[in-house]
């Protein structure tokens, strides 16, 4: 038995826990991107950011780091770029 491991955890639970920890570690070491909020629809919670190099990244309101789920168009932001389902998206969006 491994110390510090919940004996009620199944092997699948342990794998999910490991993957989750890897995701957190990865987010902490990923370079921060910068850009400007180009669009944001409060009703559906979806927006786009134009990056410093001109690319467009989508983001969802739950990715706004201050928890407000709202941000004004034109705000300068920092974010982490992630691929979800093969599509680059902005996560951890915060005003700068």
C-alpha atoms as a PDB file:
ATOM      1  CA  UNK A   1       0.000   0.000   0.000  1.00  0.00           C
ATOM      2  CA  UNK A   2       1.293   3.454  -0.905  1.00  0.00           C
ATOM      3  CA  UNK A   3       1.482   6.007   1.897  1.00  0.00           C
ATOM      4  CA  UNK A   4      -0.726   9.027   1.267  1.00  0.00           C
ATOM      5  CA  UNK A   5      -2.956   7.182  -1.216  1.00  0.00           C
ATOM      6  CA  UNK A   6      -6.620   6.746  -0.340  1.00  0.00           C
ATOM      7  CA  UNK A   7      -7.220   2.997  -0.102  1.00  0.00           C
ATOM      8  CA  UNK A   8     -10.711   3.449  -1.582  1.00  0.00           C
ATOM      9  CA  UNK A   9      -9.300   4.860  -4.839  1.00  0.00           C
ATOM     10  CA  UNK A  10      -9.484   2.595  -7.847  1.00  0.00           C
ATOM     11  CA  UNK A  11      -6.648   2.461 -10.391  1.00  0.00           C
ATOM     12  CA  UNK A  12      -8.813   4.604 -12.715  1.00  0.00           C
ATOM     13  CA  UNK A  13      -9.205   7.204  -9.943  1.00  0.00           C
ATOM     14  CA  UNK A  14      -5.432   7.287  -9.467  1.00  0.00           C
ATOM     15  CA  UNK A  15      -4.881   7.801 -13.233  1.00  0.00           C
ATOM     16  CA  UNK A  16      -7.385  10.700 -13.296  1.00  0.00           C
ATOM     17  CA  UNK A  17      -5.690  12.243 -10.278  1.00  0.00           C
ATOM     18  CA  UNK A  18      -2.312  11.973 -11.998  1.00  0.00           C
ATOM     19  CA  UNK A  19      -3.602  13.530 -15.239  1.00  0.00           C
ATOM     20  CA  UNK A  20      -5.206  16.372 -13.275  1.00  0.00           C
ATOM     21  CA  UNK A  21      -1.938  17.082 -11.453  1.00  0.00           C
ATOM     22  CA  UNK A  22      -0.078  17.086 -14.784  1.00  0.00           C
ATOM     23  CA  UNK A  23      -2.559  19.654 -16.158  1.00  0.00           C
ATOM     24  CA  UNK A  24      -1.970  21.991 -13.193  1.00  0.00           C
ATOM     25  CA  UNK A  25       1.815  21.658 -13.468  1.00  0.00           C
ATOM     26  CA  UNK A  26       1.624  22.304 -17.212  1.00  0.00           C
ATOM     27  CA  UNK A  27      -0.492  25.435 -16.734  1.00  0.00           C
ATOM     28  CA  UNK A  28       2.062  26.838 -14.308  1.00  0.00           C
ATOM     29  CA  UNK A  29       4.961  26.364 -16.723  1.00  0.00           C
ATOM     30  CA  UNK A  30       3.282  27.449 -19.983  1.00  0.00           C
ATOM     31  CA  UNK A  31       4.347  30.828 -21.378  1.00  0.00           C
ATOM     32  CA  UNK A  32       1.829  33.641 -21.052  1.00  0.00           C
ATOM     33  CA  UNK A  33       0.389  35.149 -24.226  1.00  0.00           C
ATOM     34  CA  UNK A  34      -0.799  38.729 -24.550  1.00  0.00           C
ATOM     35  CA  UNK A  35      -3.494  40.312 -26.657  1.00  0.00           C
ATOM     36  CA  UNK A  36      -6.699  42.328 -26.717  1.00  0.00           C
ATOM     37  CA  UNK A  37     -10.320  41.250 -26.291  1.00  0.00           C
ATOM     38  CA  UNK A  38     -11.850  41.669 -29.754  1.00  0.00           C
ATOM     39  CA  UNK A  39     -15.362  40.348 -29.109  1.00  0.00           C
ATOM     40  CA  UNK A  40     -17.316  39.163 -26.075  1.00  0.00           C
ATOM     41  CA  UNK A  41     -20.964  38.075 -25.991  1.00  0.00           C
ATOM     42  CA  UNK A  42     -22.128  38.238 -22.363  1.00  0.00           C
ATOM     43  CA  UNK A  43     -25.317  36.307 -23.121  1.00  0.00           C
ATOM     44  CA  UNK A  44     -23.507  33.166 -24.308  1.00  0.00           C
ATOM     45  CA  UNK A  45     -20.199  33.800 -22.533  1.00  0.00           C
ATOM     46  CA  UNK A  46     -17.985  33.487 -25.603  1.00  0.00           C
ATOM     47  CA  UNK A  47     -15.311  35.849 -26.848  1.00  0.00           C
ATOM     48  CA  UNK A  48     -12.211  36.198 -28.982  1.00  0.00           C
ATOM     49  CA  UNK A  49      -8.781  37.609 -28.302  1.00  0.00           C
ATOM     50  CA  UNK A  50      -6.488  38.989 -30.994  1.00  0.00           C
ATOM     51  CA  UNK A  51      -2.947  38.052 -30.016  1.00  0.00           C
ATOM     52  CA  UNK A  52       0.085  40.299 -30.365  1.00  0.00           C
ATOM     53  CA  UNK A  53       1.011  38.395 -33.553  1.00  0.00           C
ATOM     54  CA  UNK A  54      -2.487  38.781 -35.052  1.00  0.00           C
ATOM     55  CA  UNK A  55      -3.950  35.349 -34.375  1.00  0.00           C
ATOM     56  CA  UNK A  56      -7.508  34.986 -33.038  1.00  0.00           C
ATOM     57  CA  UNK A  57      -8.159  32.750 -30.030  1.00  0.00           C
ATOM     58  CA  UNK A  58     -11.576  31.913 -28.625  1.00  0.00           C
ATOM     59  CA  UNK A  59     -12.275  31.872 -24.898  1.00  0.00           C
ATOM     60  CA  UNK A  60     -15.225  31.123 -22.638  1.00  0.00           C
ATOM     61  CA  UNK A  61     -16.372  33.294 -19.720  1.00  0.00           C
ATOM     62  CA  UNK A  62     -15.340  30.621 -17.194  1.00  0.00           C
ATOM     63  CA  UNK A  63     -11.733  31.244 -18.283  1.00  0.00           C
ATOM     64  CA  UNK A  64     -11.769  34.846 -17.003  1.00  0.00           C
ATOM     65  CA  UNK A  65      -9.385  34.569 -14.062  1.00  0.00           C
ATOM     66  CA  UNK A  66     -11.036  37.082 -11.709  1.00  0.00           C
ATOM     67  CA  UNK A  67     -14.206  34.962 -11.608  1.00  0.00           C
ATOM     68  CA  UNK A  68     -16.455  37.759 -12.899  1.00  0.00           C
ATOM     69  CA  UNK A  69     -17.304  35.943 -16.159  1.00  0.00           C
ATOM     70  CA  UNK A  70     -17.400  39.360 -17.817  1.00  0.00           C
ATOM     71  CA  UNK A  71     -14.806  41.462 -19.634  1.00  0.00           C
ATOM     72  CA  UNK A  72     -14.999  44.557 -21.831  1.00  0.00           C
ATOM     73  CA  UNK A  73     -14.043  44.548 -25.494  1.00  0.00           C
ATOM     74  CA  UNK A  74     -10.749  46.376 -26.006  1.00  0.00           C
ATOM     75  CA  UNK A  75      -9.169  45.267 -22.708  1.00  0.00           C
ATOM     76  CA  UNK A  76      -5.528  44.175 -22.877  1.00  0.00           C
ATOM     77  CA  UNK A  77      -5.190  40.666 -21.462  1.00  0.00           C
ATOM     78  CA  UNK A  78      -2.694  37.963 -20.631  1.00  0.00           C
ATOM     79  CA  UNK A  79      -3.629  34.294 -21.052  1.00  0.00           C
ATOM     80  CA  UNK A  80      -2.337  30.771 -21.490  1.00  0.00           C
ATOM     81  CA  UNK A  81      -2.910  29.150 -24.877  1.00  0.00           C
ATOM     82  CA  UNK A  82      -4.279  25.586 -24.789  1.00  0.00           C
ATOM     83  CA  UNK A  83      -5.471  23.194 -27.458  1.00  0.00           C
ATOM     84  CA  UNK A  84      -8.900  21.758 -26.678  1.00  0.00           C
ATOM     85  CA  UNK A  85     -10.230  19.225 -29.145  1.00  0.00           C
ATOM     86  CA  UNK A  86      -7.409  20.348 -31.440  1.00  0.00           C
ATOM     87  CA  UNK A  87      -8.487  23.997 -31.404  1.00  0.00           C
ATOM     88  CA  UNK A  88      -6.244  26.658 -29.834  1.00  0.00           C
ATOM     89  CA  UNK A  89      -8.060  28.560 -27.078  1.00  0.00           C
ATOM     90  CA  UNK A  90      -7.194  31.127 -24.419  1.00  0.00           C
ATOM     91  CA  UNK A  91      -7.497  30.029 -20.774  1.00  0.00           C
ATOM     92  CA  UNK A  92      -6.745  31.867 -17.547  1.00  0.00           C
ATOM     93  CA  UNK A  93      -7.622  35.196 -19.188  1.00  0.00           C
ATOM     94  CA  UNK A  94      -6.700  38.179 -16.995  1.00  0.00           C
ATOM     95  CA  UNK A  95      -6.593  41.922 -17.580  1.00  0.00           C
ATOM     96  CA  UNK A  96      -3.180  43.604 -17.647  1.00  0.00           C
END
